[in-house]
C-alpha atoms as a PDB file:
ATOM      1  CA  MET A   1      12.630  13.544  -0.502  1.00  0.00           C
ATOM      2  CA  ALA A   2      13.715  10.596   1.480  1.00  0.00           C
ATOM      3  CA  ARG A   3      10.010   9.619   1.549  1.00  0.00           C
ATOM      4  CA  LEU A   4       9.469   9.941  -1.683  1.00  0.00           C
ATOM      5  CA  SER A   5      12.390   7.559  -2.341  1.00  0.00           C
ATOM      6  CA  LEU A   6      11.131   5.086   0.146  1.00  0.00           C
ATOM      7  CA  ASN A   7       7.885   4.812  -1.367  1.00  0.00           C
ATOM      8  CA  LEU A   8       9.312   4.697  -4.809  1.00  0.00           C
ATOM      9  CA  MET A   9      11.370   2.025  -3.311  1.00  0.00           C
ATOM     10  CA  ILE A  10       8.686   0.042  -1.805  1.00  0.00           C
ATOM     11  CA  LEU A  11       6.389   0.554  -5.202  1.00  0.00           C
ATOM     12  CA  ALA A  12       9.036  -1.068  -7.131  1.00  0.00           C
ATOM     13  CA  ILE A  13       9.243  -4.208  -4.659  1.00  0.00           C
ATOM     14  CA  TRP A  14       5.519  -4.478  -4.754  1.00  0.00           C
ATOM     15  CA  ALA A  15       5.665  -4.393  -8.512  1.00  0.00           C
ATOM     16  CA  VAL A  16       8.382  -6.994  -9.050  1.00  0.00           C
ATOM     17  CA  THR A  17       6.772  -9.510  -6.312  1.00  0.00           C
ATOM     18  CA  THR A  18       3.360  -9.149  -8.088  1.00  0.00           C
ATOM     19  CA  MET A  19       5.087 -10.003 -11.381  1.00  0.00           C
ATOM     20  CA  LEU A  20       6.896 -12.807 -10.146  1.00  0.00           C
ATOM     21  CA  PHE A  21       4.466 -14.042  -7.790  1.00  0.00           C
ATOM     22  CA  MET A  22       1.601 -13.972 -10.356  1.00  0.00           C
ATOM     23  CA  SER A  23       3.333 -15.502 -13.247  1.00  0.00           C
ATOM     24  CA  LYS A  24       4.485 -18.446 -11.236  1.00  0.00           C
ATOM     25  CA  ALA A  25       2.138 -18.688  -8.385  1.00  0.00           C
ATOM     26  CA  THR A  26      -1.387 -18.886 -10.275  1.00  0.00           C
ATOM     27  CA  GLU A  27      -0.375 -21.342 -12.361  1.00  0.00           C
ATOM     28  CA  GLY A  28      -2.866 -23.882 -10.575  1.00  0.00           C
ATOM     29  CA  CYS A  29      -3.152 -22.355  -7.353  1.00  0.00           C
ATOM     30  CA  GLN A  30      -6.742 -21.046  -6.078  1.00  0.00           C
ATOM     31  CA  GLY A  31      -7.897 -18.039  -4.196  1.00  0.00           C
ATOM     32  CA  ASP A  32      -7.688 -14.310  -3.838  1.00  0.00           C
ATOM     33  CA  LEU A  33      -3.845 -14.425  -5.111  1.00  0.00           C
ATOM     34  CA  GLN A  34      -3.764 -10.616  -6.401  1.00  0.00           C
ATOM     35  CA  GLY A  35      -6.058 -10.159  -2.871  1.00  0.00           C
ATOM     36  CA  LEU A  36      -3.004 -11.634  -1.302  1.00  0.00           C
ATOM     37  CA  ILE A  37      -0.466  -9.587  -2.989  1.00  0.00           C
ATOM     38  CA  THR A  38      -2.239  -6.548  -2.594  1.00  0.00           C
ATOM     39  CA  HIS A  39      -3.138  -6.452   1.167  1.00  0.00           C
ATOM     40  CA  CYS A  40      -0.237  -8.751   2.375  1.00  0.00           C
ATOM     41  CA  ALA A  41       3.048  -8.017   0.481  1.00  0.00           C
ATOM     42  CA  ILE A  42       3.838  -5.169   3.296  1.00  0.00           C
ATOM     43  CA  TYR A  43       4.111  -7.785   5.952  1.00  0.00           C
ATOM     44  CA  VAL A  44       6.254 -10.137   4.354  1.00  0.00           C
ATOM     45  CA  GLN A  45       8.861  -7.538   2.761  1.00  0.00           C
ATOM     46  CA  LYS A  46      12.446  -8.436   4.113  1.00  0.00           C
ATOM     47  CA  GLY A  47      14.097  -5.737   6.058  1.00  0.00           C
ATOM     48  CA  THR A  48      10.616  -4.119   7.686  1.00  0.00           C
ATOM     49  CA  PRO A  49       9.279  -5.148  11.143  1.00  0.00           C
ATOM     50  CA  MET A  50       6.950  -8.045  11.823  1.00  0.00           C
ATOM     51  CA  ILE A  51       3.982  -6.490  12.374  1.00  0.00           C
ATOM     52  CA  LYS A  52       0.545  -7.694  12.596  1.00  0.00           C
ATOM     53  CA  PRO A  53      -1.522  -8.563   9.478  1.00  0.00           C
ATOM     54  CA  SER A  54      -4.632  -6.406   8.481  1.00  0.00           C
ATOM     55  CA  ALA A  55      -8.012  -7.568   8.229  1.00  0.00           C
ATOM     56  CA  PRO A  56      -8.199  -7.553   4.344  1.00  0.00           C
ATOM     57  CA  CYS A  57      -4.638  -9.332   4.292  1.00  0.00           C
ATOM     58  CA  CYS A  58      -5.965 -12.029   6.528  1.00  0.00           C
ATOM     59  CA  ASP A  59      -9.435 -12.333   4.649  1.00  0.00           C
ATOM     60  CA  ALA A  60      -7.159 -13.007   1.244  1.00  0.00           C
ATOM     61  CA  VAL A  61      -4.557 -15.821   3.243  1.00  0.00           C
ATOM     62  CA  ARG A  62      -7.813 -17.344   4.131  1.00  0.00           C
ATOM     63  CA  THR A  63      -8.822 -18.132   0.327  1.00  0.00           C
ATOM     64  CA  VAL A  64      -5.712 -18.898  -0.799  1.00  0.00           C
ATOM     65  CA  ASP A  65      -4.325 -22.984  -1.496  1.00  0.00           C
ATOM     66  CA  ILE A  66      -1.113 -21.983   0.821  1.00  0.00           C
ATOM     67  CA  PRO A  67       0.676 -25.265  -0.020  1.00  0.00           C
ATOM     68  CA  CYS A  68       0.000 -24.690  -3.659  1.00  0.00           C
ATOM     69  CA  ALA A  69       1.335 -21.516  -3.611  1.00  0.00           C
ATOM     70  CA  CYS A  70       4.393 -22.547  -1.794  1.00  0.00           C
ATOM     71  CA  GLN A  71       5.531 -24.698  -4.980  1.00  0.00           C
ATOM     72  CA  HIS A  72       5.806 -21.904  -7.155  1.00  0.00           C
ATOM     73  CA  ILE A  73       7.994 -19.764  -5.075  1.00  0.00           C
ATOM     74  CA  THR A  74      11.223 -18.790  -6.610  1.00  0.00           C
ATOM     75  CA  LYS A  75      14.623 -17.519  -5.243  1.00  0.00           C
ATOM     76  CA  GLU A  76      13.938 -14.438  -7.144  1.00  0.00           C
ATOM     77  CA  ILE A  77      10.683 -13.929  -4.831  1.00  0.00           C
ATOM     78  CA  GLU A  78      12.596 -15.253  -1.730  1.00  0.00           C
ATOM     79  CA  GLY A  79      15.188 -12.481  -2.530  1.00  0.00           C
ATOM     80  CA  LEU A  80      12.548  -9.566  -1.809  1.00  0.00           C
ATOM     81  CA  VAL A  81      10.202 -11.914   0.897  1.00  0.00           C
ATOM     82  CA  ASP A  82      10.877 -12.753   4.304  1.00  0.00           C
ATOM     83  CA  MET A  83       9.877 -16.577   4.278  1.00  0.00           C
ATOM     84  CA  ASN A  84       9.806 -16.402   8.395  1.00  0.00           C
ATOM     85  CA  LYS A  85       7.424 -13.596   7.866  1.00  0.00           C
ATOM     86  CA  VAL A  86       5.471 -15.504   5.267  1.00  0.00           C
ATOM     87  CA  PHE A  87       5.190 -18.203   7.422  1.00  0.00           C
ATOM     88  CA  ASN A  88       4.029 -15.777  10.570  1.00  0.00           C
ATOM     89  CA  LEU A  89       1.787 -14.411   8.331  1.00  0.00           C
ATOM     90  CA  ALA A  90      -0.389 -17.696   7.504  1.00  0.00           C
ATOM     91  CA  SER A  91      -0.042 -18.471  11.475  1.00  0.00           C
ATOM     92  CA  SER A  92      -1.272 -15.236  12.452  1.00  0.00           C
ATOM     93  CA  CYS A  93      -4.596 -15.144   9.978  1.00  0.00           C
ATOM     94  CA  GLY A  94      -5.646 -18.537  10.979  1.00  0.00           C
ATOM     95  CA  ARG A  95      -3.800 -20.913   8.667  1.00  0.00           C
ATOM     96  CA  PRO A  96      -0.615 -22.192  10.189  1.00  0.00           C
ATOM     97  CA  LEU A  97       1.843 -24.496   7.562  1.00  0.00           C
ATOM     98  CA  PRO A  98       2.783 -27.817   9.689  1.00  0.00           C
ATOM     99  CA  HIS A  99       5.840 -27.716  11.029  1.00  0.00           C
ATOM    100  CA  GLY A 100       8.305 -29.303   8.368  1.00  0.00           C
ATOM    101  CA  THR A 101       6.348 -28.055   5.294  1.00  0.00           C
ATOM    102  CA  LYS A 102       8.577 -26.695   2.412  1.00  0.00           C
ATOM    103  CA  CYS A 103       7.717 -23.488   0.922  1.00  0.00           C
ATOM    104  CA  GLY A 104      10.098 -22.336  -1.358  1.00  0.00           C
ATOM    105  CA  SER A 105      13.508 -23.523  -0.307  1.00  0.00           C
ATOM    106  CA  SER A 106      12.705 -22.837   2.981  1.00  0.00           C
ATOM    107  CA  THR A 107      11.073 -25.205   5.644  1.00  0.00           C
ATOM    108  CA  VAL A 108       8.330 -23.892   8.135  1.00  0.00           C
ATOM    109  CA  PRO A 109      10.386 -24.486  11.684  1.00  0.00           C
END
């Protein structure tokens, strides 16, 4: 029963994140944003351990205009996503954001 509840919670977080991110970040940004959400959401959720991203996740990260997407991160998205994990994910996938880059309300250390 606990596993079912966890799976439902993960599904709900994914659905909300997808809805919020796709409605904001696709405006003028290029790349595989759907792939980014599908393959990478589990790596940036708050309250989960930081783990190495998968190859499909990194493939999606490499296609996305990250600075553009960062301009569209809302407080609602930041309520679900750990921005330090976002910065780590970008770096782990070979697309590190320069120090001082603003992403949502966070700044890359």
